[in-house]
């Protein structure tokens, strides 16, 4: 399946981020780089793999130090680094809190604040 076909099947468009949101897993206190976010989920990069199906709470912080905590399920995880390089795992996370997916919910509010920044 092509990237365009994958994008077409998403319920919510993804927003590319340029270091506008910093993230951490709450239980592991592991920093994550939020690459894209939508009402339904996010793409993150980490230095360690996440098991598919695992559920994690993520604390996301904007440049103004406002924070949002969201829970998501790992849908896929793959090493995106070239052979021989330090691993960089790209992970797809689907939010599990249905209220967060509403445009007026936590994710919608976060996306609106990113657009205003």
PDB file of N, CA and C in Angstrom:
ATOM      1  N   UNK A   1       0.843  -1.178   0.000  1.00  0.00           N
ATOM      2  CA  UNK A   1       0.000   0.000   0.000  1.00  0.00           C
ATOM      3  C   UNK A   1       0.888   1.241   0.000  1.00  0.00           C
ATOM      4  N   UNK A   2       0.581   2.203  -0.821  1.00  0.00           N
ATOM      5  CA  UNK A   2       1.388   3.413  -0.919  1.00  0.00           C
ATOM      6  C   UNK A   2       1.077   4.345   0.235  1.00  0.00           C
ATOM      7  N   UNK A   3       1.970   5.314   0.466  1.00  0.00           N
ATOM      8  CA  UNK A   3       1.738   6.302   1.518  1.00  0.00           C
ATOM      9  C   UNK A   3       0.473   7.092   1.235  1.00  0.00           C
ATOM     10  N   UNK A   4       0.225   7.400  -0.037  1.00  0.00           N
ATOM     11  CA  UNK A   4      -0.987   8.148  -0.395  1.00  0.00           C
ATOM     12  C   UNK A   4      -2.229   7.336  -0.062  1.00  0.00           C
ATOM     13  N   UNK A   5      -2.199   6.045  -0.339  1.00  0.00           N
ATOM     14  CA  UNK A   5      -3.352   5.195  -0.025  1.00  0.00           C
ATOM     15  C   UNK A   5      -3.556   5.107   1.477  1.00  0.00           C
ATOM     16  N   UNK A   6      -2.464   5.037   2.240  1.00  0.00           N
ATOM     17  CA  UNK A   6      -2.570   5.002   3.693  1.00  0.00           C
ATOM     18  C   UNK A   6      -3.186   6.292   4.200  1.00  0.00           C
ATOM     19  N   UNK A   7      -2.735   7.441   3.678  1.00  0.00           N
ATOM     20  CA  UNK A   7      -3.286   8.723   4.093  1.00  0.00           C
ATOM     21  C   UNK A   7      -4.768   8.809   3.769  1.00  0.00           C
ATOM     22  N   UNK A   8      -5.178   8.263   2.602  1.00  0.00           N
ATOM     23  CA  UNK A   8      -6.573   8.334   2.193  1.00  0.00           C
ATOM     24  C   UNK A   8      -7.486   7.551   3.118  1.00  0.00           C
ATOM     25  N   UNK A   9      -6.983   6.500   3.760  1.00  0.00           N
ATOM     26  CA  UNK A   9      -7.851   5.694   4.602  1.00  0.00           C
ATOM     27  C   UNK A   9      -7.912   6.202   6.040  1.00  0.00           C
ATOM     28  N   UNK A  10      -7.157   7.204   6.378  1.00  0.00           N
ATOM     29  CA  UNK A  10      -7.200   7.763   7.727  1.00  0.00           C
ATOM     30  C   UNK A  10      -8.492   8.552   7.916  1.00  0.00           C
ATOM     31  N   UNK A  11      -9.051   8.438   9.121  1.00  0.00           N
ATOM     32  CA  UNK A  11     -10.269   9.191   9.433  1.00  0.00           C
ATOM     33  C   UNK A  11      -9.970  10.670   9.628  1.00  0.00           C
ATOM     34  N   UNK A  12      -8.777  10.974  10.115  1.00  0.00           N
ATOM     35  CA  UNK A  12      -8.406  12.355  10.406  1.00  0.00           C
ATOM     36  C   UNK A  12      -7.084  12.673   9.726  1.00  0.00           C
ATOM     37  N   UNK A  13      -6.982  13.840   9.095  1.00  0.00           N
ATOM     38  CA  UNK A  13      -5.713  14.197   8.462  1.00  0.00           C
ATOM     39  C   UNK A  13      -4.622  14.390   9.507  1.00  0.00           C
ATOM     40  N   UNK A  14      -3.408  14.017   9.149  1.00  0.00           N
ATOM     41  CA  UNK A  14      -2.281  14.182  10.059  1.00  0.00           C
ATOM     42  C   UNK A  14      -1.625  15.531   9.833  1.00  0.00           C
ATOM     43  N   UNK A  15      -1.104  16.088  10.900  1.00  0.00           N
ATOM     44  CA  UNK A  15      -0.416  17.373  10.852  1.00  0.00           C
ATOM     45  C   UNK A  15       1.062  17.115  11.095  1.00  0.00           C
ATOM     46  N   UNK A  16       1.895  17.569  10.151  1.00  0.00           N
ATOM     47  CA  UNK A  16       3.343  17.447  10.307  1.00  0.00           C
ATOM     48  C   UNK A  16       3.796  18.436  11.374  1.00  0.00           C
ATOM     49  N   UNK A  17       4.692  18.001  12.245  1.00  0.00           N
ATOM     50  CA  UNK A  17       5.175  18.857  13.324  1.00  0.00           C
ATOM     51  C   UNK A  17       6.671  19.066  13.180  1.00  0.00           C
ATOM     52  N   UNK A  18       7.106  20.266  13.459  1.00  0.00           N
ATOM     53  CA  UNK A  18       8.528  20.588  13.413  1.00  0.00           C
ATOM     54  C   UNK A  18       8.986  20.925  14.826  1.00  0.00           C
ATOM     55  N   UNK A  19       9.093  19.900  15.659  1.00  0.00           N
ATOM     56  CA  UNK A  19       9.530  20.050  17.052  1.00  0.00           C
ATOM     57  C   UNK A  19       8.625  20.976  17.848  1.00  0.00           C
ATOM     58  N   UNK A  20       7.349  21.048  17.492  1.00  0.00           N
ATOM     59  CA  UNK A  20       6.421  21.908  18.216  1.00  0.00           C
ATOM     60  C   UNK A  20       5.855  21.232  19.458  1.00  0.00           C
ATOM     61  N   UNK A  21       5.895  19.897  19.485  1.00  0.00           N
ATOM     62  CA  UNK A  21       5.390  19.148  20.630  1.00  0.00           C
ATOM     63  C   UNK A  21       6.493  18.212  21.104  1.00  0.00           C
ATOM     64  N   UNK A  22       6.766  18.242  22.400  1.00  0.00           N
ATOM     65  CA  UNK A  22       7.712  17.317  23.012  1.00  0.00           C
ATOM     66  C   UNK A  22       6.900  16.301  23.793  1.00  0.00           C
ATOM     67  N   UNK A  23       7.308  15.050  23.753  1.00  0.00           N
ATOM     68  CA  UNK A  23       6.539  14.016  24.424  1.00  0.00           C
ATOM     69  C   UNK A  23       7.378  13.126  25.313  1.00  0.00           C
ATOM     70  N   UNK A  24       6.697  12.483  26.253  1.00  0.00           N
ATOM     71  CA  UNK A  24       7.282  11.486  27.149  1.00  0.00           C
ATOM     72  C   UNK A  24       6.242  10.412  27.391  1.00  0.00           C
ATOM     73  N   UNK A  25       6.700   9.173  27.526  1.00  0.00           N
ATOM     74  CA  UNK A  25       5.793   8.152  28.039  1.00  0.00           C
ATOM     75  C   UNK A  25       5.744   8.362  29.544  1.00  0.00           C
ATOM     76  N   UNK A  26       4.551   8.297  30.112  1.00  0.00           N
ATOM     77  CA  UNK A  26       4.394   8.585  31.535  1.00  0.00           C
ATOM     78  C   UNK A  26       5.054   7.503  32.384  1.00  0.00           C
ATOM     79  N   UNK A  27       4.756   6.238  32.119  1.00  0.00           N
ATOM     80  CA  UNK A  27       5.265   5.162  32.976  1.00  0.00           C
ATOM     81  C   UNK A  27       6.768   4.936  32.818  1.00  0.00           C
ATOM     82  N   UNK A  28       7.289   5.108  31.619  1.00  0.00           N
ATOM     83  CA  UNK A  28       8.706   4.844  31.362  1.00  0.00           C
ATOM     84  C   UNK A  28       9.574   6.092  31.451  1.00  0.00           C
ATOM     85  N   UNK A  29       8.954   7.269  31.475  1.00  0.00           N
ATOM     86  CA  UNK A  29       9.652   8.552  31.415  1.00  0.00           C
ATOM     87  C   UNK A  29      10.671   8.552  30.274  1.00  0.00           C
ATOM     88  N   UNK A  30      10.214   8.044  29.145  1.00  0.00           N
ATOM     89  CA  UNK A  30      11.044   7.954  27.947  1.00  0.00           C
ATOM     90  C   UNK A  30      10.673   9.086  27.000  1.00  0.00           C
ATOM     91  N   UNK A  31      11.650   9.912  26.587  1.00  0.00           N
ATOM     92  CA  UNK A  31      11.314  10.972  25.637  1.00  0.00           C
ATOM     93  C   UNK A  31      10.927  10.388  24.284  1.00  0.00           C
ATOM     94  N   UNK A  32       9.936  11.002  23.662  1.00  0.00           N
ATOM     95  CA  UNK A  32       9.511  10.623  22.316  1.00  0.00           C
ATOM     96  C   UNK A  32       9.456  11.883  21.469  1.00  0.00           C
ATOM     97  N   UNK A  33       9.764  11.737  20.203  1.00  0.00           N
ATOM     98  CA  UNK A  33       9.655  12.857  19.253  1.00  0.00           C
ATOM     99  C   UNK A  33       8.349  12.673  18.503  1.00  0.00           C
ATOM    100  N   UNK A  34       7.438  13.626  18.643  1.00  0.00           N
ATOM    101  CA  UNK A  34       6.156  13.563  17.945  1.00  0.00           C
ATOM    102  C   UNK A  34       6.379  14.106  16.540  1.00  0.00           C
ATOM    103  N   UNK A  35       6.200  13.237  15.541  1.00  0.00           N
ATOM    104  CA  UNK A  35       6.457  13.589  14.148  1.00  0.00           C
ATOM    105  C   UNK A  35       5.188  14.105  13.484  1.00  0.00           C
ATOM    106  N   UNK A  36       4.073  13.421  13.731  1.00  0.00           N
ATOM    107  CA  UNK A  36       2.767  13.798  13.177  1.00  0.00           C
ATOM    108  C   UNK A  36       1.712  13.543  14.243  1.00  0.00           C
ATOM    109  N   UNK A  37       0.602  14.288  14.140  1.00  0.00           N
ATOM    110  CA  UNK A  37      -0.517  14.061  15.052  1.00  0.00           C
ATOM    111  C   UNK A  37      -1.815  14.317  14.299  1.00  0.00           C
ATOM    112  N   UNK A  38      -2.844  13.585  14.674  1.00  0.00           N
ATOM    113  CA  UNK A  38      -4.187  13.791  14.135  1.00  0.00           C
ATOM    114  C   UNK A  38      -5.159  13.539  15.274  1.00  0.00           C
ATOM    115  N   UNK A  39      -6.445  13.727  15.015  1.00  0.00           N
ATOM    116  CA  UNK A  39      -7.439  13.450  16.045  1.00  0.00           C
ATOM    117  C   UNK A  39      -7.436  11.982  16.451  1.00  0.00           C
ATOM    118  N   UNK A  40      -6.998  11.090  15.560  1.00  0.00           N
ATOM    119  CA  UNK A  40      -7.039   9.661  15.840  1.00  0.00           C
ATOM    120  C   UNK A  40      -5.762   9.052  16.379  1.00  0.00           C
ATOM    121  N   UNK A  41      -4.624   9.726  16.194  1.00  0.00           N
ATOM    122  CA  UNK A  41      -3.378   9.133  16.661  1.00  0.00           C
ATOM    123  C   UNK A  41      -2.179   9.990  16.334  1.00  0.00           C
ATOM    124  N   UNK A  42      -0.999   9.403  16.494  1.00  0.00           N
ATOM    125  CA  UNK A  42       0.229  10.150  16.227  1.00  0.00           C
ATOM    126  C   UNK A  42       1.321   9.189  15.789  1.00  0.00           C
ATOM    127  N   UNK A  43       2.302   9.743  15.115  1.00  0.00           N
ATOM    128  CA  UNK A  43       3.518   9.023  14.763  1.00  0.00           C
ATOM    129  C   UNK A  43       4.626   9.596  15.628  1.00  0.00           C
ATOM    130  N   UNK A  44       5.382   8.700  16.272  1.00  0.00           N
ATOM    131  CA  UNK A  44       6.462   9.137  17.148  1.00  0.00           C
ATOM    132  C   UNK A  44       7.752   8.433  16.754  1.00  0.00           C
ATOM    133  N   UNK A  45       8.875   9.008  17.186  1.00  0.00           N
ATOM    134  CA  UNK A  45      10.185   8.384  17.017  1.00  0.00           C
ATOM    135  C   UNK A  45      10.822   8.240  18.389  1.00  0.00           C
ATOM    136  N   UNK A  46      11.443   7.075  18.612  1.00  0.00           N
ATOM    137  CA  UNK A  46      12.129   6.798  19.869  1.00  0.00           C
ATOM    138  C   UNK A  46      13.402   6.014  19.582  1.00  0.00           C
ATOM    139  N   UNK A  47      14.205   5.846  20.615  1.00  0.00           N
ATOM    140  CA  UNK A  47      15.424   5.054  20.481  1.00  0.00           C
ATOM    141  C   UNK A  47      15.209   3.609  20.918  1.00  0.00           C
ATOM    142  N   UNK A  48      14.019   3.290  21.415  1.00  0.00           N
ATOM    143  CA  UNK A  48      13.693   1.918  21.823  1.00  0.00           C
ATOM    144  C   UNK A  48      12.382   1.505  21.157  1.00  0.00           C
ATOM    145  N   UNK A  49      12.226   0.210  20.878  1.00  0.00           N
ATOM    146  CA  UNK A  49      10.981  -0.249  20.248  1.00  0.00           C
ATOM    147  C   UNK A  49       9.845  -0.378  21.255  1.00  0.00           C
ATOM    148  N   UNK A  50       8.627  -0.213  20.776  1.00  0.00           N
ATOM    149  CA  UNK A  50       7.423  -0.451  21.567  1.00  0.00           C
ATOM    150  C   UNK A  50       6.742  -1.699  21.021  1.00  0.00           C
ATOM    151  N   UNK A  51       6.289  -2.598  21.886  1.00  0.00           N
ATOM    152  CA  UNK A  51       5.579  -3.780  21.391  1.00  0.00           C
ATOM    153  C   UNK A  51       4.216  -3.397  20.810  1.00  0.00           C
ATOM    154  N   UNK A  52       3.886  -3.977  19.671  1.00  0.00           N
ATOM    155  CA  UNK A  52       2.578  -3.734  19.054  1.00  0.00           C
ATOM    156  C   UNK A  52       1.496  -4.210  20.019  1.00  0.00           C
ATOM    157  N   UNK A  53       0.466  -3.385  20.192  1.00  0.00           N
ATOM    158  CA  UNK A  53      -0.639  -3.700  21.091  1.00  0.00           C
ATOM    159  C   UNK A  53      -0.492  -3.099  22.474  1.00  0.00           C
ATOM    160  N   UNK A  54       0.722  -2.673  22.840  1.00  0.00           N
ATOM    161  CA  UNK A  54       0.934  -2.074  24.158  1.00  0.00           C
ATOM    162  C   UNK A  54       0.184  -0.750  24.256  1.00  0.00           C
ATOM    163  N   UNK A  55      -0.325  -0.457  25.444  1.00  0.00           N
ATOM    164  CA  UNK A  55      -1.037   0.795  25.695  1.00  0.00           C
ATOM    165  C   UNK A  55      -0.179   1.635  26.631  1.00  0.00           C
ATOM    166  N   UNK A  56       0.041   2.882  26.246  1.00  0.00           N
ATOM    167  CA  UNK A  56       0.868   3.794  27.034  1.00  0.00           C
ATOM    168  C   UNK A  56       0.169   5.134  27.191  1.00  0.00           C
ATOM    169  N   UNK A  57       0.450   5.789  28.310  1.00  0.00           N
ATOM    170  CA  UNK A  57       0.038   7.177  28.505  1.00  0.00           C
ATOM    171  C   UNK A  57       1.209   8.047  28.056  1.00  0.00           C
ATOM    172  N   UNK A  58       0.893   9.082  27.294  1.00  0.00           N
ATOM    173  CA  UNK A  58       1.902  10.004  26.785  1.00  0.00           C
ATOM    174  C   UNK A  58       1.596  11.399  27.307  1.00  0.00           C
ATOM    175  N   UNK A  59       2.628  12.079  27.809  1.00  0.00           N
ATOM    176  CA  UNK A  59       2.491  13.478  28.212  1.00  0.00           C
ATOM    177  C   UNK A  59       3.106  14.316  27.104  1.00  0.00           C
ATOM    178  N   UNK A  60       2.282  15.157  26.489  1.00  0.00           N
ATOM    179  CA  UNK A  60       2.730  16.003  25.382  1.00  0.00           C
ATOM    180  C   UNK A  60       2.809  17.438  25.868  1.00  0.00           C
ATOM    181  N   UNK A  61       3.916  18.106  25.564  1.00  0.00           N
ATOM    182  CA  UNK A  61       4.154  19.466  26.025  1.00  0.00           C
ATOM    183  C   UNK A  61       4.418  20.371  24.833  1.00  0.00           C
ATOM    184  N   UNK A  62       3.699  21.485  24.796  1.00  0.00           N
ATOM    185  CA  UNK A  62       3.913  22.500  23.756  1.00  0.00           C
ATOM    186  C   UNK A  62       5.017  23.458  24.184  1.00  0.00           C
ATOM    187  N   UNK A  63       5.440  24.302  23.270  1.00  0.00           N
ATOM    188  CA  UNK A  63       6.479  25.287  23.551  1.00  0.00           C
ATOM    189  C   UNK A  63       6.127  26.256  24.661  1.00  0.00           C
ATOM    190  N   UNK A  64       4.811  26.461  24.912  1.00  0.00           N
ATOM    191  CA  UNK A  64       4.396  27.362  25.993  1.00  0.00           C
ATOM    192  C   UNK A  64       4.315  26.628  27.335  1.00  0.00           C
ATOM    193  N   UNK A  65       4.816  25.397  27.388  1.00  0.00           N
ATOM    194  CA  UNK A  65       4.847  24.530  28.570  1.00  0.00           C
ATOM    195  C   UNK A  65       3.488  23.997  29.000  1.00  0.00           C
ATOM    196  N   UNK A  66       2.449  24.190  28.190  1.00  0.00           N
ATOM    197  CA  UNK A  66       1.158  23.571  28.499  1.00  0.00           C
ATOM    198  C   UNK A  66       1.260  22.085  28.161  1.00  0.00           C
ATOM    199  N   UNK A  67       0.615  21.240  28.963  1.00  0.00           N
ATOM    200  CA  UNK A  67       0.720  19.800  28.763  1.00  0.00           C
ATOM    201  C   UNK A  67      -0.651  19.162  28.577  1.00  0.00           C
ATOM    202  N   UNK A  68      -0.650  18.049  27.882  1.00  0.00           N
ATOM    203  CA  UNK A  68      -1.832  17.219  27.678  1.00  0.00           C
ATOM    204  C   UNK A  68      -1.381  15.779  27.841  1.00  0.00           C
ATOM    205  N   UNK A  69      -2.174  14.988  28.550  1.00  0.00           N
ATOM    206  CA  UNK A  69      -1.862  13.573  28.692  1.00  0.00           C
ATOM    207  C   UNK A  69      -2.884  12.761  27.915  1.00  0.00           C
ATOM    208  N   UNK A  70      -2.394  11.886  27.032  1.00  0.00           N
ATOM    209  CA  UNK A  70      -3.245  11.066  26.176  1.00  0.00           C
ATOM    210  C   UNK A  70      -2.803   9.613  26.258  1.00  0.00           C
ATOM    211  N   UNK A  71      -3.757   8.711  26.100  1.00  0.00           N
ATOM    212  CA  UNK A  71      -3.462   7.281  26.122  1.00  0.00           C
ATOM    213  C   UNK A  71      -3.610   6.725  24.716  1.00  0.00           C
ATOM    214  N   UNK A  72      -2.643   5.902  24.316  1.00  0.00           N
ATOM    215  CA  UNK A  72      -2.689   5.347  22.968  1.00  0.00           C
ATOM    216  C   UNK A  72      -2.181   3.921  22.908  1.00  0.00           C
ATOM    217  N   UNK A  73      -2.641   3.210  21.900  1.00  0.00           N
ATOM    218  CA  UNK A  73      -2.237   1.824  21.646  1.00  0.00           C
ATOM    219  C   UNK A  73      -1.254   1.801  20.478  1.00  0.00           C
ATOM    220  N   UNK A  74      -0.162   1.066  20.645  1.00  0.00           N
ATOM    221  CA  UNK A  74       0.846   0.926  19.594  1.00  0.00           C
ATOM    222  C   UNK A  74       0.278   0.051  18.483  1.00  0.00           C
ATOM    223  N   UNK A  75       0.226   0.599  17.275  1.00  0.00           N
ATOM    224  CA  UNK A  75      -0.321  -0.113  16.121  1.00  0.00           C
ATOM    225  C   UNK A  75       0.781  -0.727  15.254  1.00  0.00           C
ATOM    226  N   UNK A  76       1.929  -0.077  15.202  1.00  0.00           N
ATOM    227  CA  UNK A  76       3.078  -0.613  14.470  1.00  0.00           C
ATOM    228  C   UNK A  76       4.337   0.052  14.992  1.00  0.00           C
ATOM    229  N   UNK A  77       5.458  -0.615  14.811  1.00  0.00           N
ATOM    230  CA  UNK A  77       6.752  -0.077  15.232  1.00  0.00           C
ATOM    231  C   UNK A  77       7.820  -0.694  14.339  1.00  0.00           C
ATOM    232  N   UNK A  78       8.678   0.162  13.769  1.00  0.00           N
ATOM    233  CA  UNK A  78       9.739  -0.363  12.905  1.00  0.00           C
ATOM    234  C   UNK A  78      10.988   0.501  13.052  1.00  0.00           C
ATOM    235  N   UNK A  79      12.123  -0.121  12.831  1.00  0.00           N
ATOM    236  CA  UNK A  79      13.386   0.590  12.869  1.00  0.00           C
ATOM    237  C   UNK A  79      13.553   1.316  11.536  1.00  0.00           C
ATOM    238  N   UNK A  80      13.596   2.644  11.584  1.00  0.00           N
ATOM    239  CA  UNK A  80      13.689   3.449  10.366  1.00  0.00           C
ATOM    240  C   UNK A  80      15.123   3.873  10.055  1.00  0.00           C
ATOM    241  N   UNK A  81      16.078   3.487  10.898  1.00  0.00           N
ATOM    242  CA  UNK A  81      17.470   3.887  10.680  1.00  0.00           C
ATOM    243  C   UNK A  81      18.127   2.990   9.632  1.00  0.00           C
ATOM    244  N   UNK A  82      19.091   3.535   8.898  1.00  0.00           N
ATOM    245  CA  UNK A  82      19.831   2.709   7.936  1.00  0.00           C
ATOM    246  C   UNK A  82      20.615   1.614   8.672  1.00  0.00           C
ATOM    247  N   UNK A  83      20.933   0.552   7.963  1.00  0.00           N
ATOM    248  CA  UNK A  83      21.702  -0.554   8.544  1.00  0.00           C
ATOM    249  C   UNK A  83      23.007  -0.030   9.135  1.00  0.00           C
ATOM    250  N   UNK A  84      23.318  -0.466  10.334  1.00  0.00           N
ATOM    251  CA  UNK A  84      24.553  -0.068  10.990  1.00  0.00           C
ATOM    252  C   UNK A  84      24.459   1.230  11.773  1.00  0.00           C
ATOM    253  N   UNK A  85      23.382   1.987  11.611  1.00  0.00           N
ATOM    254  CA  UNK A  85      23.213   3.253  12.327  1.00  0.00           C
ATOM    255  C   UNK A  85      22.504   3.004  13.660  1.00  0.00           C
ATOM    256  N   UNK A  86      22.557   3.992  14.536  1.00  0.00           N
ATOM    257  CA  UNK A  86      21.823   3.915  15.792  1.00  0.00           C
ATOM    258  C   UNK A  86      20.338   3.770  15.479  1.00  0.00           C
ATOM    259  N   UNK A  87      19.665   2.803  16.108  1.00  0.00           N
ATOM    260  CA  UNK A  87      18.243   2.592  15.806  1.00  0.00           C
ATOM    261  C   UNK A  87      17.375   3.810  16.126  1.00  0.00           C
ATOM    262  N   UNK A  88      16.451   4.093  15.237  1.00  0.00           N
ATOM    263  CA  UNK A  88      15.406   5.100  15.450  1.00  0.00           C
ATOM    264  C   UNK A  88      14.101   4.402  15.084  1.00  0.00           C
ATOM    265  N   UNK A  89      13.267   4.191  16.082  1.00  0.00           N
ATOM    266  CA  UNK A  89      12.031   3.452  15.859  1.00  0.00           C
ATOM    267  C   UNK A  89      10.879   4.408  15.589  1.00  0.00           C
ATOM    268  N   UNK A  90      10.222   4.214  14.468  1.00  0.00           N
ATOM    269  CA  UNK A  90       9.023   4.972  14.117  1.00  0.00           C
ATOM    270  C   UNK A  90       7.832   4.135  14.558  1.00  0.00           C
ATOM    271  N   UNK A  91       6.975   4.746  15.363  1.00  0.00           N
ATOM    272  CA  UNK A  91       5.860   4.033  15.977  1.00  0.00           C
ATOM    273  C   UNK A  91       4.555   4.755  15.698  1.00  0.00           C
ATOM    274  N   UNK A  92       3.555   4.008  15.270  1.00  0.00           N
ATOM    275  CA  UNK A  92       2.214   4.545  15.077  1.00  0.00           C
ATOM    276  C   UNK A  92       1.377   4.265  16.306  1.00  0.00           C
ATOM    277  N   UNK A  93       0.770   5.301  16.852  1.00  0.00           N
ATOM    278  CA  UNK A  93      -0.030   5.194  18.070  1.00  0.00           C
ATOM    279  C   UNK A  93      -1.450   5.638  17.763  1.00  0.00           C
ATOM    280  N   UNK A  94      -2.422   4.819  18.133  1.00  0.00           N
ATOM    281  CA  UNK A  94      -3.836   5.174  17.976  1.00  0.00           C
ATOM    282  C   UNK A  94      -4.371   5.548  19.351  1.00  0.00           C
ATOM    283  N   UNK A  95      -4.963   6.746  19.449  1.00  0.00           N
ATOM    284  CA  UNK A  95      -5.520   7.167  20.728  1.00  0.00           C
ATOM    285  C   UNK A  95      -6.691   6.271  21.101  1.00  0.00           C
ATOM    286  N   UNK A  96      -6.790   5.914  22.391  1.00  0.00           N
ATOM    287  CA  UNK A  96      -7.845   5.007  22.833  1.00  0.00           C
ATOM    288  C   UNK A  96      -8.963   5.730  23.566  1.00  0.00           C
ATOM    289  N   UNK A  97      -8.769   6.981  23.909  1.00  0.00           N
ATOM    290  CA  UNK A  97      -9.804   7.771  24.575  1.00  0.00           C
ATOM    291  C   UNK A  97     -10.669   8.427  23.505  1.00  0.00           C
ATOM    292  N   UNK A  98     -11.878   7.919  23.312  1.00  0.00           N
ATOM    293  CA  UNK A  98     -12.750   8.435  22.247  1.00  0.00           C
ATOM    294  C   UNK A  98     -13.060   9.913  22.406  1.00  0.00           C
ATOM    295  N   UNK A  99     -13.190  10.400  23.643  1.00  0.00           N
ATOM    296  CA  UNK A  99     -13.464  11.826  23.845  1.00  0.00           C
ATOM    297  C   UNK A  99     -12.302  12.677  23.356  1.00  0.00           C
ATOM    298  N   UNK A 100     -11.086  12.158  23.464  1.00  0.00           N
ATOM    299  CA  UNK A 100      -9.910  12.911  23.015  1.00  0.00           C
ATOM    300  C   UNK A 100      -9.950  13.147  21.521  1.00  0.00           C
ATOM    301  N   UNK A 101     -10.624  12.237  20.773  1.00  0.00           N
ATOM    302  CA  UNK A 101     -10.664  12.331  19.313  1.00  0.00           C
ATOM    303  C   UNK A 101     -11.663  13.361  18.800  1.00  0.00           C
ATOM    304  N   UNK A 102     -12.526  13.863  19.660  1.00  0.00           N
ATOM    305  CA  UNK A 102     -13.483  14.882  19.232  1.00  0.00           C
ATOM    306  C   UNK A 102     -12.725  16.180  18.950  1.00  0.00           C
ATOM    307  N   UNK A 103     -13.160  16.945  17.942  1.00  0.00           N
ATOM    308  CA  UNK A 103     -12.472  18.214  17.656  1.00  0.00           C
ATOM    309  C   UNK A 103     -12.407  19.142  18.867  1.00  0.00           C
ATOM    310  N   UNK A 104     -13.369  19.013  19.785  1.00  0.00           N
ATOM    311  CA  UNK A 104     -13.363  19.860  20.977  1.00  0.00           C
ATOM    312  C   UNK A 104     -12.666  19.170  22.150  1.00  0.00           C
ATOM    313  N   UNK A 105     -12.129  17.960  21.937  1.00  0.00           N
ATOM    314  CA  UNK A 105     -11.468  17.204  22.996  1.00  0.00           C
ATOM    315  C   UNK A 105     -10.009  17.588  23.151  1.00  0.00           C
ATOM    316  N   UNK A 106      -9.294  16.776  23.911  1.00  0.00           N
ATOM    317  CA  UNK A 106      -7.902  17.075  24.255  1.00  0.00           C
ATOM    318  C   UNK A 106      -6.999  17.176  23.030  1.00  0.00           C
ATOM    319  N   UNK A 107      -7.145  16.258  22.085  1.00  0.00           N
ATOM    320  CA  UNK A 107      -6.284  16.294  20.892  1.00  0.00           C
ATOM    321  C   UNK A 107      -6.640  17.483  20.010  1.00  0.00           C
ATOM    322  N   UNK A 108      -7.928  17.726  19.825  1.00  0.00           N
ATOM    323  CA  UNK A 108      -8.368  18.873  19.031  1.00  0.00           C
ATOM    324  C   UNK A 108      -7.844  20.176  19.604  1.00  0.00           C
ATOM    325  N   UNK A 109      -7.898  20.284  20.932  1.00  0.00           N
ATOM    326  CA  UNK A 109      -7.381  21.480  21.598  1.00  0.00           C
ATOM    327  C   UNK A 109      -5.874  21.612  21.373  1.00  0.00           C
ATOM    328  N   UNK A 110      -5.163  20.506  21.479  1.00  0.00           N
ATOM    329  CA  UNK A 110      -3.718  20.514  21.255  1.00  0.00           C
ATOM    330  C   UNK A 110      -3.386  20.937  19.826  1.00  0.00           C
ATOM    331  N   UNK A 111      -4.098  20.370  18.854  1.00  0.00           N
ATOM    332  CA  UNK A 111      -3.872  20.716  17.448  1.00  0.00           C
ATOM    333  C   UNK A 111      -4.176  22.191  17.204  1.00  0.00           C
ATOM    334  N   UNK A 112      -5.245  22.705  17.785  1.00  0.00           N
ATOM    335  CA  UNK A 112      -5.571  24.130  17.637  1.00  0.00           C
ATOM    336  C   UNK A 112      -4.464  25.007  18.202  1.00  0.00           C
ATOM    337  N   UNK A 113      -3.907  24.624  19.347  1.00  0.00           N
ATOM    338  CA  UNK A 113      -2.824  25.411  19.940  1.00  0.00           C
ATOM    339  C   UNK A 113      -1.566  25.360  19.075  1.00  0.00           C
ATOM    340  N   UNK A 114      -1.299  24.217  18.419  1.00  0.00           N
ATOM    341  CA  UNK A 114      -0.145  24.117  17.512  1.00  0.00           C
ATOM    342  C   UNK A 114      -0.334  25.065  16.336  1.00  0.00           C
ATOM    343  N   UNK A 115      -1.551  25.112  15.788  1.00  0.00           N
ATOM    344  CA  UNK A 115      -1.825  25.998  14.650  1.00  0.00           C
ATOM    345  C   UNK A 115      -1.649  27.464  15.021  1.00  0.00           C
ATOM    346  N   UNK A 116      -1.942  27.821  16.259  1.00  0.00           N
ATOM    347  CA  UNK A 116      -1.837  29.213  16.697  1.00  0.00           C
ATOM    348  C   UNK A 116      -0.405  29.604  17.031  1.00  0.00           C
ATOM    349  N   UNK A 117       0.439  28.604  17.291  1.00  0.00           N
ATOM    350  CA  UNK A 117       1.830  28.892  17.702  1.00  0.00           C
ATOM    351  C   UNK A 117       2.645  29.440  16.553  1.00  0.00           C
TER     352      UNK A 117
END
